Every structure is written in structure tokens, then in C-alpha cells.
């Protein structure tokens, strides 16, 4: 498989985390997404990263027309992002998993926690919380945070629900 710079950039734009200071994922995450998505366009995405001590983990879910793509990569570097990678050189992930599942493999979408915050009396209520996603052939439930600006979690959950 050959990945052009245009294709790389097309998918890199969907690997931005929804953190307070959004960052793009390292190249391995982009490569995994691009390889599994092929010619399909991303309809919705949810990406997060956590950095604890000297370890950074990236987690992404992307909805393409026929399915759901997941990529997870862990690096033995603190706050390892595409920006740090471009300045410091590539680092292989210490752990890497990816898969592609049909949307029909989604068994259940559930809510773990939920909180409503009103914009004021008689105004709309904004929901925040965590949802779980169960899929056929995936042993653990996946956790998606929704209601955070820029995270994509709410949009991904709504589009998945519409496909079920």
C-alpha cells in the first residue's frame, strides 16, 4: 500500500484530539486509519489521548460509510503528538492495535454517566457524560466521552445510532 502526502493529510485532519489543547496524533495512528479506511471518507470521529508519566496513549474511533475503525497506540514518551514527532523524529509505539468492523457488529450503545447543564432557565440542556460501545468480536467495551466541544464524541454516537 502506498500513501501519498495528500492522502496522509486527508486522514491526519481526522486525528485531532478533543483535549483542551487539541493535538494531532502521531503518524502511526494516521497510517492505521488510512490503511483501514482506504477510499472511504470519514463521516465522524472521536479521538483522545492521555499522557501519564512517561507514557502517551492515543485512542481513536472513526465512522466510514460501511463500518467503524479503531486505532490505539501507546508510546514510551510523555505527551507524544504529531508536533513532537515532527520535531523529534519518529518513535515506534510500544503497543499498537487496530481493527475495522461493520456497523452491524455494534451490539449496544450505553450510557455510563450523564449530567445535564442548562444554559439558563427555560433554555436548552447540554448533556455531558460517558457512553460505552459494545461490538461483536471486541472483548472490552469502548468508552466515549460526549458533550465536550471538539471531541467528536456526541456526533459519532449520534451517527452510529442512526446507522443501527
Protein backbone atom coordinates (compact mmCIF):
# COMPACT_ATOMS: atom_id res chain seq x y z
CA UNK A 1 0.00 0.00 0.00
CA UNK A 2 1.30 3.43 -0.93
CA UNK A 3 0.16 6.51 0.95
CA UNK A 4 0.50 9.87 -0.80
CA UNK A 5 1.08 13.05 1.18
CA UNK A 6 -2.39 14.30 0.14
CA UNK A 7 -3.99 11.11 1.45
CA UNK A 8 -1.93 11.28 4.64
CA UNK A 9 -3.07 14.87 5.23
CA UNK A 10 -6.70 13.97 4.48
CA UNK A 11 -6.69 11.42 7.29
CA UNK A 12 -4.39 13.37 9.64
CA UNK A 13 -7.06 16.05 9.79
CA UNK A 14 -9.36 13.47 11.47
CA UNK A 15 -6.83 12.52 14.18
CA UNK A 16 -7.03 15.72 16.22
CA UNK A 17 -7.77 15.09 19.89
CA UNK A 18 -10.64 16.89 21.57
CA UNK A 19 -8.45 17.89 24.52
CA UNK A 20 -8.29 21.40 25.93
CA UNK A 21 -5.23 21.92 23.71
CA UNK A 22 -6.07 19.86 20.59
CA UNK A 23 -3.17 17.95 19.03
CA UNK A 24 -2.88 15.67 16.04
CA UNK A 25 -1.94 12.04 16.53
CA UNK A 26 1.49 10.64 15.64
CA UNK A 27 1.94 9.17 12.16
CA UNK A 28 1.33 5.53 13.20
CA UNK A 29 -2.25 6.40 14.16
CA UNK A 30 -2.78 8.19 10.84
CA UNK A 31 -1.25 5.24 8.93
CA UNK A 32 -3.58 2.79 10.71
CA UNK A 33 -6.64 4.90 9.93
CA UNK A 34 -5.62 5.43 6.29
CA UNK A 35 -4.85 1.74 5.70
CA UNK A 36 -8.21 0.61 7.08
CA UNK A 37 -10.33 3.41 5.57
CA UNK A 38 -8.91 3.07 2.06
CA UNK A 39 -11.01 5.16 -0.31
CA UNK A 40 -13.82 5.78 2.19
CA UNK A 41 -14.39 9.21 3.67
CA UNK A 42 -14.65 9.68 7.41
CA UNK A 43 -18.21 10.62 8.48
CA UNK A 44 -17.50 11.14 12.18
CA UNK A 45 -14.53 10.75 14.50
CA UNK A 46 -13.64 10.57 18.18
CA UNK A 47 -10.00 10.89 19.22
CA UNK A 48 -8.44 11.27 22.65
CA UNK A 49 -5.02 10.93 24.13
CA UNK A 50 -3.78 10.56 27.67
CA UNK A 51 -0.29 11.11 28.98
CA UNK A 52 0.71 9.72 32.36
CA UNK A 53 4.30 9.72 33.48
CA UNK A 54 6.45 8.79 30.50
CA UNK A 55 3.66 7.12 28.52
CA UNK A 56 1.19 8.53 26.00
CA UNK A 57 -1.79 6.58 24.64
CA UNK A 58 -3.82 7.59 21.60
CA UNK A 59 -7.34 6.17 21.08
CA UNK A 60 -9.45 6.80 18.00
CA UNK A 61 -12.76 5.69 16.52
CA UNK A 62 -13.80 6.71 13.01
CA UNK A 63 -17.06 6.02 11.22
CA UNK A 64 -16.81 5.40 7.48
CA UNK A 65 -19.89 4.53 5.36
CA UNK A 66 -19.77 0.75 5.83
CA UNK A 67 -18.00 0.45 9.17
CA UNK A 68 -16.17 1.55 12.28
CA UNK A 69 -12.38 1.85 12.51
CA UNK A 70 -10.41 1.77 15.78
CA UNK A 71 -6.73 2.55 16.29
CA UNK A 72 -4.91 2.65 19.61
CA UNK A 73 -1.20 3.35 20.04
CA UNK A 74 0.94 3.71 23.16
CA UNK A 75 4.31 5.46 23.16
CA UNK A 76 7.02 5.46 25.83
CA UNK A 77 7.24 9.25 25.58
CA UNK A 78 5.34 11.90 27.56
CA UNK A 79 2.82 13.97 25.57
CA UNK A 80 3.77 12.31 22.28
CA UNK A 81 1.93 14.14 19.48
CA UNK A 82 2.41 14.75 15.76
CA UNK A 83 4.06 18.06 16.59
CA UNK A 84 6.61 16.45 18.92
CA UNK A 85 7.15 13.68 16.36
CA UNK A 86 7.90 16.20 13.59
CA UNK A 87 10.43 17.96 15.83
CA UNK A 88 11.99 14.89 17.44
CA UNK A 89 11.73 12.11 14.87
CA UNK A 90 9.52 9.07 14.70
CA UNK A 91 9.23 6.69 17.66
CA UNK A 92 7.71 3.24 17.27
CA UNK A 93 4.72 2.60 19.52
CA UNK A 94 5.26 0.16 22.39
CA UNK A 95 1.72 -1.16 21.82
CA UNK A 96 -0.49 -0.86 18.75
CA UNK A 97 -3.93 -2.28 17.92
CA UNK A 98 -6.32 -1.55 15.12
CA UNK A 99 -9.42 -3.10 13.60
CA UNK A 100 -12.26 -2.48 11.20
CA UNK A 101 -15.78 -3.68 11.99
CA UNK A 102 -19.05 -3.44 10.12
CA UNK A 103 -21.54 -1.04 11.69
CA UNK A 104 -23.82 -4.09 12.04
CA UNK A 105 -21.30 -5.51 14.54
CA UNK A 106 -22.30 -2.84 17.08
CA UNK A 107 -24.21 -4.76 19.76
CA UNK A 108 -25.09 -1.89 22.07
CA UNK A 109 -24.54 1.75 22.88
CA UNK A 110 -24.98 2.56 26.55
CA UNK A 111 -24.54 5.49 28.92
CA UNK A 112 -22.19 5.14 31.93
CA UNK A 113 -22.65 8.64 33.30
CA UNK A 114 -24.63 11.68 32.31
CA UNK A 115 -25.06 15.24 33.52
CA UNK A 116 -27.26 17.99 32.15
CA UNK A 117 -26.15 21.60 32.28
CA UNK A 118 -28.79 24.21 31.45
CA UNK A 119 -27.87 27.36 29.56
CA UNK A 120 -30.32 29.18 31.81
CA UNK A 121 -33.98 28.96 32.89
CA UNK A 122 -36.09 27.67 30.01
CA UNK A 123 -33.03 27.23 27.77
CA UNK A 124 -31.57 24.08 26.25
CA UNK A 125 -29.81 21.49 28.38
CA UNK A 126 -26.36 20.36 27.25
CA UNK A 127 -25.64 16.72 28.09
CA UNK A 128 -22.16 15.59 29.14
CA UNK A 129 -21.03 12.13 30.10
CA UNK A 130 -19.55 8.83 29.07
CA UNK A 131 -21.02 6.25 26.75
CA UNK A 132 -19.98 2.67 26.15
CA UNK A 133 -19.88 0.84 22.88
CA UNK A 134 -20.08 -2.96 22.64
CA UNK A 135 -19.07 -4.72 19.43
CA UNK A 136 -19.14 -8.31 18.25
CA UNK A 137 -15.62 -9.77 18.46
CA UNK A 138 -14.25 -6.99 20.68
CA UNK A 139 -13.82 -8.30 24.25
CA UNK A 140 -13.84 -4.96 26.08
CA UNK A 141 -16.39 -2.17 25.99
CA UNK A 142 -15.10 1.04 24.45
CA UNK A 143 -15.63 4.31 26.34
CA UNK A 144 -16.55 7.53 24.55
CA UNK A 145 -16.80 10.88 26.31
CA UNK A 146 -19.53 13.09 24.86
CA UNK A 147 -20.60 16.69 25.29
CA UNK A 148 -17.06 18.14 25.21
CA UNK A 149 -16.55 20.75 22.49
CA UNK A 150 -14.28 19.44 19.73
CA UNK A 151 -14.15 15.83 20.92
CA UNK A 152 -16.49 14.48 18.25
CA UNK A 153 -17.98 12.03 20.74
CA UNK A 154 -21.55 13.35 20.50
CA UNK A 155 -21.51 13.38 16.70
CA UNK A 156 -20.02 9.87 16.48
CA UNK A 157 -22.62 8.45 18.87
CA UNK A 158 -25.50 10.14 17.01
CA UNK A 159 -24.31 8.87 13.61
CA UNK A 160 -23.75 5.34 14.95
CA UNK A 161 -27.23 5.35 16.48
CA UNK A 162 -28.68 6.44 13.13
CA UNK A 163 -26.92 3.52 11.37
CA UNK A 164 -28.32 0.92 13.79
